[in-house]
Amino acid sequence: MPSTVVHCALAGLLAAGLLGDRFDGRAVAIVLAATIVPDLDVVAGFLIPGGHRSVLHTLLLPLAGAALLAYDTRIRKRSFVRQRWHARGVRVAWVSIAAVAFASIGLDLVAGGVNLFYPFHDQFYELSGELVLSNDRGLVQTFVEFGGDGGGEAARGSTEQVHINSGVDPTRGAESKTVERIFPVAQSGWQLLLLLTSGFVLTVRLWETR
């Protein structure tokens, strides 16, 4: 499953691509900080069974943030964000919301699953499948399937049935004193490549802004 470092790597690429002339170390730090927020629900598992990847991994979080920011910057006569941080603050805020949606929640959705509409709909989903072009079958996708068996947008169960392990909370309930706590950095080749690519891109962009 993606580590927090991997989430930040993807968020860093989003920051490099979307911040434009607002890109600098401080703006990147804000985007990365926002990306980390959903992973803080790992401690919720001690209070709410299945709380990890539920409490702050709900899609309602970035949707609410986008709605509030749109209201503040497009509807209100005097925007709080514009008054305090000007156009730079608006750009950084939008990129931060995108990072939460794609780099944090989205990445976990395709790697282990998230409780996508918690607390209104208590169900973990994991998006898996493939999109291929076949000379026999044409364009074939199995991410979303209607009827039949197979992969696709699979429901995994509720918070009572699903526990996403972590180094902080390896198993549901009390752990033994000898339980192994694993805090991953990169668990596959593509994750390591993403870390290296993001580090390279951010280094180049930050060097260019000097």
C-alpha atoms as a PDB file:
ATOM      1  CA  MET A   1       0.000   0.000   0.000  1.00  0.00           C
ATOM      2  CA  PRO A   2       1.294   3.528  -0.703  1.00  0.00           C
ATOM      3  CA  SER A   3       3.200   5.144   2.135  1.00  0.00           C
ATOM      4  CA  THR A   4       2.769   8.772   3.140  1.00  0.00           C
ATOM      5  CA  VAL A   5       6.044   9.448   1.330  1.00  0.00           C
ATOM      6  CA  VAL A   6       4.597   8.040  -1.907  1.00  0.00           C
ATOM      7  CA  HIS A   7       1.470  10.185  -1.480  1.00  0.00           C
ATOM      8  CA  CYS A   8       3.694  13.235  -1.096  1.00  0.00           C
ATOM      9  CA  ALA A   9       5.703  12.254  -4.176  1.00  0.00           C
ATOM     10  CA  LEU A  10       2.588  12.319  -6.360  1.00  0.00           C
ATOM     11  CA  ALA A  11       1.434  15.540  -4.692  1.00  0.00           C
ATOM     12  CA  GLY A  12       4.812  17.077  -5.436  1.00  0.00           C
ATOM     13  CA  LEU A  13       4.375  16.350  -9.125  1.00  0.00           C
ATOM     14  CA  LEU A  14       0.916  17.929  -9.015  1.00  0.00           C
ATOM     15  CA  ALA A  15       2.402  20.983  -7.325  1.00  0.00           C
ATOM     16  CA  ALA A  16       5.156  21.241  -9.949  1.00  0.00           C
ATOM     17  CA  GLY A  17       2.610  20.981 -12.747  1.00  0.00           C
ATOM     18  CA  LEU A  18      -0.217  23.140 -11.407  1.00  0.00           C
ATOM     19  CA  LEU A  19       1.281  25.902  -9.252  1.00  0.00           C
ATOM     20  CA  GLY A  20       2.677  27.732 -12.281  1.00  0.00           C
ATOM     21  CA  ASP A  21       4.463  30.953 -11.367  1.00  0.00           C
ATOM     22  CA  ARG A  22       3.274  30.542  -7.759  1.00  0.00           C
ATOM     23  CA  PHE A  23       5.675  27.618  -7.342  1.00  0.00           C
ATOM     24  CA  ASP A  24       8.196  27.900  -4.517  1.00  0.00           C
ATOM     25  CA  GLY A  25       9.270  25.917  -1.473  1.00  0.00           C
ATOM     26  CA  ARG A  26       6.597  27.351   0.785  1.00  0.00           C
ATOM     27  CA  ALA A  27       3.781  26.602  -1.660  1.00  0.00           C
ATOM     28  CA  VAL A  28       5.007  23.031  -2.127  1.00  0.00           C
ATOM     29  CA  ALA A  29       5.203  22.571   1.645  1.00  0.00           C
ATOM     30  CA  ILE A  30       1.552  23.646   1.994  1.00  0.00           C
ATOM     31  CA  VAL A  31       0.443  21.212  -0.723  1.00  0.00           C
ATOM     32  CA  LEU A  32       2.378  18.356   0.891  1.00  0.00           C
ATOM     33  CA  ALA A  33       0.980  19.196   4.327  1.00  0.00           C
ATOM     34  CA  ALA A  34      -2.560  19.051   2.945  1.00  0.00           C
ATOM     35  CA  THR A  35      -1.763  15.686   1.340  1.00  0.00           C
ATOM     36  CA  ILE A  36      -0.711  14.234   4.692  1.00  0.00           C
ATOM     37  CA  VAL A  37      -3.947  15.222   6.471  1.00  0.00           C
ATOM     38  CA  PRO A  38      -6.078  12.211   5.361  1.00  0.00           C
ATOM     39  CA  ASP A  39      -3.446   9.795   6.679  1.00  0.00           C
ATOM     40  CA  LEU A  40      -3.940  11.242  10.156  1.00  0.00           C
ATOM     41  CA  ASP A  41      -7.110   9.174  10.448  1.00  0.00           C
ATOM     42  CA  VAL A  42      -4.824   6.246  11.277  1.00  0.00           C
ATOM     43  CA  VAL A  43      -5.290   7.206  14.936  1.00  0.00           C
ATOM     44  CA  ALA A  44      -9.078   7.115  14.497  1.00  0.00           C
ATOM     45  CA  GLY A  45      -8.825   3.340  14.380  1.00  0.00           C
ATOM     46  CA  PHE A  46      -8.227   3.322  18.135  1.00  0.00           C
ATOM     47  CA  LEU A  47     -11.600   5.007  18.700  1.00  0.00           C
ATOM     48  CA  ILE A  48     -13.631   3.877  15.693  1.00  0.00           C
ATOM     49  CA  PRO A  49     -13.119   0.329  14.374  1.00  0.00           C
ATOM     50  CA  GLY A  50     -12.244   0.703  10.706  1.00  0.00           C
ATOM     51  CA  GLY A  51     -11.671   4.427  11.146  1.00  0.00           C
ATOM     52  CA  HIS A  52      -8.408   4.378   9.202  1.00  0.00           C
ATOM     53  CA  ARG A  53      -9.098   5.273   5.552  1.00  0.00           C
ATOM     54  CA  SER A  54     -12.648   6.231   6.557  1.00  0.00           C
ATOM     55  CA  VAL A  55     -12.793   9.342   8.742  1.00  0.00           C
ATOM     56  CA  LEU A  56     -10.536  11.538   6.571  1.00  0.00           C
ATOM     57  CA  HIS A  57     -10.397   9.461   3.386  1.00  0.00           C
ATOM     58  CA  THR A  58     -13.969  10.291   2.462  1.00  0.00           C
ATOM     59  CA  LEU A  59     -14.442  12.014  -0.888  1.00  0.00           C
ATOM     60  CA  LEU A  60     -16.645  14.488   0.970  1.00  0.00           C
ATOM     61  CA  LEU A  61     -13.485  16.135   2.358  1.00  0.00           C
ATOM     62  CA  PRO A  62     -12.099  17.544  -0.926  1.00  0.00           C
ATOM     63  CA  LEU A  63     -15.626  18.186  -2.228  1.00  0.00           C
ATOM     64  CA  ALA A  64     -16.431  20.294   0.831  1.00  0.00           C
ATOM     65  CA  GLY A  65     -13.120  22.108   0.507  1.00  0.00           C
ATOM     66  CA  ALA A  66     -13.747  22.848  -3.163  1.00  0.00           C
ATOM     67  CA  ALA A  67     -17.287  24.079  -2.448  1.00  0.00           C
ATOM     68  CA  LEU A  68     -16.100  26.409   0.332  1.00  0.00           C
ATOM     69  CA  LEU A  69     -13.237  27.776  -1.745  1.00  0.00           C
ATOM     70  CA  ALA A  70     -15.474  28.322  -4.774  1.00  0.00           C
ATOM     71  CA  TYR A  71     -18.020  30.141  -2.616  1.00  0.00           C
ATOM     72  CA  ASP A  72     -15.348  32.302  -1.003  1.00  0.00           C
ATOM     73  CA  THR A  73     -13.551  33.248  -4.224  1.00  0.00           C
ATOM     74  CA  ARG A  74     -16.396  33.365  -6.743  1.00  0.00           C
ATOM     75  CA  ILE A  75     -19.602  34.236  -4.886  1.00  0.00           C
ATOM     76  CA  ARG A  76     -18.717  36.272  -1.786  1.00  0.00           C
ATOM     77  CA  LYS A  77     -18.222  39.978  -2.393  1.00  0.00           C
ATOM     78  CA  ARG A  78     -15.087  40.015  -0.252  1.00  0.00           C
ATOM     79  CA  SER A  79     -13.061  36.831  -0.401  1.00  0.00           C
ATOM     80  CA  PHE A  80     -11.278  35.894   2.813  1.00  0.00           C
ATOM     81  CA  VAL A  81      -8.598  33.939   0.925  1.00  0.00           C
ATOM     82  CA  ARG A  82      -7.956  36.702  -1.616  1.00  0.00           C
ATOM     83  CA  GLN A  83      -7.811  39.408   1.048  1.00  0.00           C
ATOM     84  CA  ARG A  84      -5.289  37.527   3.167  1.00  0.00           C
ATOM     85  CA  TRP A  85      -3.178  35.624   0.614  1.00  0.00           C
ATOM     86  CA  HIS A  86      -4.179  37.211  -2.706  1.00  0.00           C
ATOM     87  CA  ALA A  87      -4.225  35.256  -5.991  1.00  0.00           C
ATOM     88  CA  ARG A  88      -1.288  33.151  -4.821  1.00  0.00           C
ATOM     89  CA  GLY A  89      -3.331  31.806  -1.920  1.00  0.00           C
ATOM     90  CA  VAL A  90      -6.209  30.879  -4.212  1.00  0.00           C
ATOM     91  CA  ARG A  91      -3.913  28.911  -6.543  1.00  0.00           C
ATOM     92  CA  VAL A  92      -2.189  27.099  -3.666  1.00  0.00           C
ATOM     93  CA  ALA A  93      -5.550  26.256  -2.082  1.00  0.00           C
ATOM     94  CA  TRP A  94      -6.927  24.738  -5.313  1.00  0.00           C
ATOM     95  CA  VAL A  95      -3.772  22.681  -5.867  1.00  0.00           C
ATOM     96  CA  SER A  96      -3.909  21.478  -2.251  1.00  0.00           C
ATOM     97  CA  ILE A  97      -7.487  20.282  -2.728  1.00  0.00           C
ATOM     98  CA  ALA A  98      -6.473  18.491  -5.932  1.00  0.00           C
ATOM     99  CA  ALA A  99      -3.576  16.840  -4.094  1.00  0.00           C
ATOM    100  CA  VAL A 100      -5.893  15.561  -1.356  1.00  0.00           C
ATOM    101  CA  ALA A 101      -8.325  14.178  -3.941  1.00  0.00           C
ATOM    102  CA  PHE A 102      -5.827  12.534  -6.297  1.00  0.00           C
ATOM    103  CA  ALA A 103      -2.523  12.012  -4.469  1.00  0.00           C
ATOM    104  CA  SER A 104      -3.993  11.058  -1.100  1.00  0.00           C
ATOM    105  CA  ILE A 105      -7.498   9.613  -1.406  1.00  0.00           C
ATOM    106  CA  GLY A 106      -7.235   8.586  -5.060  1.00  0.00           C
ATOM    107  CA  LEU A 107      -3.982   6.707  -4.634  1.00  0.00           C
ATOM    108  CA  ASP A 108      -5.404   4.755  -1.692  1.00  0.00           C
ATOM    109  CA  LEU A 109      -8.593   4.044  -3.659  1.00  0.00           C
ATOM    110  CA  VAL A 110      -6.597   2.013  -6.175  1.00  0.00           C
ATOM    111  CA  ALA A 111      -4.307   0.453  -3.546  1.00  0.00           C
ATOM    112  CA  GLY A 112      -6.205  -1.217  -0.728  1.00  0.00           C
ATOM    113  CA  GLY A 113      -9.410   0.810  -0.837  1.00  0.00           C
ATOM    114  CA  VAL A 114     -11.044   3.694   1.025  1.00  0.00           C
ATOM    115  CA  ASN A 115     -14.420   4.351   2.648  1.00  0.00           C
ATOM    116  CA  LEU A 116     -15.316   6.727  -0.162  1.00  0.00           C
ATOM    117  CA  PHE A 117     -18.544   8.308   1.135  1.00  0.00           C
ATOM    118  CA  TYR A 118     -18.122   7.895   4.907  1.00  0.00           C
ATOM    119  CA  PRO A 119     -20.023   8.610   7.152  1.00  0.00           C
ATOM    120  CA  PHE A 120     -23.144   8.809   4.950  1.00  0.00           C
ATOM    121  CA  HIS A 121     -22.436   5.482   3.251  1.00  0.00           C
ATOM    122  CA  ASP A 122     -20.257   3.098   5.251  1.00  0.00           C
ATOM    123  CA  GLN A 123     -18.610   0.995   2.546  1.00  0.00           C
ATOM    124  CA  PHE A 124     -14.981   0.546   1.522  1.00  0.00           C
ATOM    125  CA  TYR A 125     -14.288   0.558  -2.208  1.00  0.00           C
ATOM    126  CA  GLU A 126     -11.199  -0.429  -4.138  1.00  0.00           C
ATOM    127  CA  LEU A 127     -10.939   0.600  -7.768  1.00  0.00           C
ATOM    128  CA  SER A 128      -9.226  -2.154  -9.733  1.00  0.00           C
ATOM    129  CA  GLY A 129      -9.379  -3.469 -13.253  1.00  0.00           C
ATOM    130  CA  GLU A 130      -7.827  -2.787 -16.641  1.00  0.00           C
ATOM    131  CA  LEU A 131      -8.323  -0.732 -19.772  1.00  0.00           C
ATOM    132  CA  VAL A 132      -7.075  -2.426 -22.944  1.00  0.00           C
ATOM    133  CA  LEU A 133      -7.434  -2.151 -26.700  1.00  0.00           C
ATOM    134  CA  SER A 134      -7.964  -5.571 -28.271  1.00  0.00           C
ATOM    135  CA  ASN A 135      -7.997  -6.420 -31.950  1.00  0.00           C
ATOM    136  CA  ASP A 136     -10.801  -8.927 -31.216  1.00  0.00           C
ATOM    137  CA  ARG A 137     -12.897  -7.154 -28.585  1.00  0.00           C
ATOM    138  CA  GLY A 138     -12.130  -3.512 -29.226  1.00  0.00           C
ATOM    139  CA  LEU A 139     -11.816  -1.161 -26.260  1.00  0.00           C
ATOM    140  CA  VAL A 140     -12.306  -3.163 -23.068  1.00  0.00           C
ATOM    141  CA  GLN A 141     -12.477  -1.820 -19.519  1.00  0.00           C
ATOM    142  CA  THR A 142     -13.137  -3.709 -16.284  1.00  0.00           C
ATOM    143  CA  PHE A 143     -12.870  -0.856 -13.788  1.00  0.00           C
ATOM    144  CA  VAL A 144     -16.643  -0.389 -13.651  1.00  0.00           C
ATOM    145  CA  GLU A 145     -18.788  -3.390 -14.466  1.00  0.00           C
ATOM    146  CA  PHE A 146     -22.552  -3.668 -14.472  1.00  0.00           C
ATOM    147  CA  GLY A 147     -23.707  -7.167 -13.598  1.00  0.00           C
ATOM    148  CA  GLY A 148     -21.674 -10.336 -13.758  1.00  0.00           C
ATOM    149  CA  ASP A 149     -18.556 -11.241 -11.844  1.00  0.00           C
ATOM    150  CA  GLY A 150     -15.059  -9.879 -12.052  1.00  0.00           C
ATOM    151  CA  GLY A 151     -12.958  -7.043 -10.740  1.00  0.00           C
ATOM    152  CA  GLY A 152     -14.111  -3.525 -11.167  1.00  0.00           C
ATOM    153  CA  GLU A 153     -15.295  -1.059  -8.595  1.00  0.00           C
ATOM    154  CA  ALA A 154     -15.390  -3.638  -5.796  1.00  0.00           C
ATOM    155  CA  ALA A 155     -17.151  -3.034  -2.502  1.00  0.00           C
ATOM    156  CA  ARG A 156     -15.026  -4.519   0.263  1.00  0.00           C
ATOM    157  CA  GLY A 157     -17.235  -4.116   3.338  1.00  0.00           C
ATOM    158  CA  SER A 158     -18.038  -1.630   6.091  1.00  0.00           C
ATOM    159  CA  THR A 159     -15.903  -0.325   8.959  1.00  0.00           C
ATOM    160  CA  GLU A 160     -17.060  -3.311  11.010  1.00  0.00           C
ATOM    161  CA  GLN A 161     -15.623  -5.699   8.423  1.00  0.00           C
ATOM    162  CA  VAL A 162     -12.523  -3.956   7.076  1.00  0.00           C
ATOM    163  CA  HIS A 163      -9.311  -3.005   8.849  1.00  0.00           C
ATOM    164  CA  ILE A 164      -6.506  -1.333   6.906  1.00  0.00           C
ATOM    165  CA  ASN A 165      -3.322  -2.159   8.753  1.00  0.00           C
ATOM    166  CA  SER A 166      -0.589   0.380   9.449  1.00  0.00           C
ATOM    167  CA  GLY A 167       2.515   0.685  11.572  1.00  0.00           C
ATOM    168  CA  VAL A 168       0.491   2.623  14.132  1.00  0.00           C
ATOM    169  CA  ASP A 169      -2.409   0.147  14.233  1.00  0.00           C
ATOM    170  CA  PRO A 170      -1.286  -3.186  12.696  1.00  0.00           C
ATOM    171  CA  THR A 171      -4.364  -5.226  13.630  1.00  0.00           C
ATOM    172  CA  ARG A 172      -7.897  -4.613  14.806  1.00  0.00           C
ATOM    173  CA  GLY A 173      -8.037  -4.536  18.598  1.00  0.00           C
ATOM    174  CA  ALA A 174      -5.143  -4.935  21.024  1.00  0.00           C
ATOM    175  CA  GLU A 175      -1.805  -6.118  19.658  1.00  0.00           C
ATOM    176  CA  SER A 176       0.723  -8.341  21.361  1.00  0.00           C
ATOM    177  CA  LYS A 177       3.980  -6.844  22.563  1.00  0.00           C
ATOM    178  CA  THR A 178       5.845  -8.706  19.810  1.00  0.00           C
ATOM    179  CA  VAL A 179       3.702  -7.482  16.912  1.00  0.00           C
ATOM    180  CA  GLU A 180       5.738  -6.230  13.959  1.00  0.00           C
ATOM    181  CA  ARG A 181       5.091  -2.595  13.104  1.00  0.00           C
ATOM    182  CA  ILE A 182       6.005  -1.772   9.515  1.00  0.00           C
ATOM    183  CA  PHE A 183       6.289   1.833   8.339  1.00  0.00           C
ATOM    184  CA  PRO A 184       6.773   1.543   4.568  1.00  0.00           C
ATOM    185  CA  VAL A 185       8.630   3.931   2.320  1.00  0.00           C
ATOM    186  CA  ALA A 186       8.419   2.196  -1.069  1.00  0.00           C
ATOM    187  CA  GLN A 187       6.906  -1.269  -1.485  1.00  0.00           C
ATOM    188  CA  SER A 188       7.258  -1.751  -5.228  1.00  0.00           C
ATOM    189  CA  GLY A 189       9.376  -0.641  -8.143  1.00  0.00           C
ATOM    190  CA  TRP A 190       6.803   1.860  -9.409  1.00  0.00           C
ATOM    191  CA  GLN A 191       6.613   3.504  -5.990  1.00  0.00           C
ATOM    192  CA  LEU A 192      10.389   3.893  -5.830  1.00  0.00           C
ATOM    193  CA  LEU A 193      10.395   5.293  -9.374  1.00  0.00           C
ATOM    194  CA  LEU A 194       7.674   7.765  -8.396  1.00  0.00           C
ATOM    195  CA  LEU A 195       9.742   8.903  -5.396  1.00  0.00           C
ATOM    196  CA  LEU A 196      12.843   9.404  -7.519  1.00  0.00           C
ATOM    197  CA  THR A 197      10.963  11.166 -10.328  1.00  0.00           C
ATOM    198  CA  SER A 198       9.166  13.512  -7.957  1.00  0.00           C
ATOM    199  CA  GLY A 199      12.369  14.314  -6.101  1.00  0.00           C
ATOM    200  CA  PHE A 200      14.121  15.098  -9.378  1.00  0.00           C
ATOM    201  CA  VAL A 201      11.293  17.290 -10.718  1.00  0.00           C
ATOM    202  CA  LEU A 202      10.896  19.248  -7.468  1.00  0.00           C
ATOM    203  CA  THR A 203      14.648  19.765  -7.179  1.00  0.00           C
ATOM    204  CA  VAL A 204      14.842  21.153 -10.711  1.00  0.00           C
ATOM    205  CA  ARG A 205      11.820  23.420 -10.239  1.00  0.00           C
ATOM    206  CA  LEU A 206      13.099  24.751  -6.909  1.00  0.00           C
ATOM    207  CA  TRP A 207      16.537  25.370  -8.435  1.00  0.00           C
ATOM    208  CA  GLU A 208      14.901  27.310 -11.279  1.00  0.00           C
ATOM    209  CA  THR A 209      13.061  29.582  -8.820  1.00  0.00           C
ATOM    210  CA  ARG A 210      16.272  30.623  -7.045  1.00  0.00           C
END
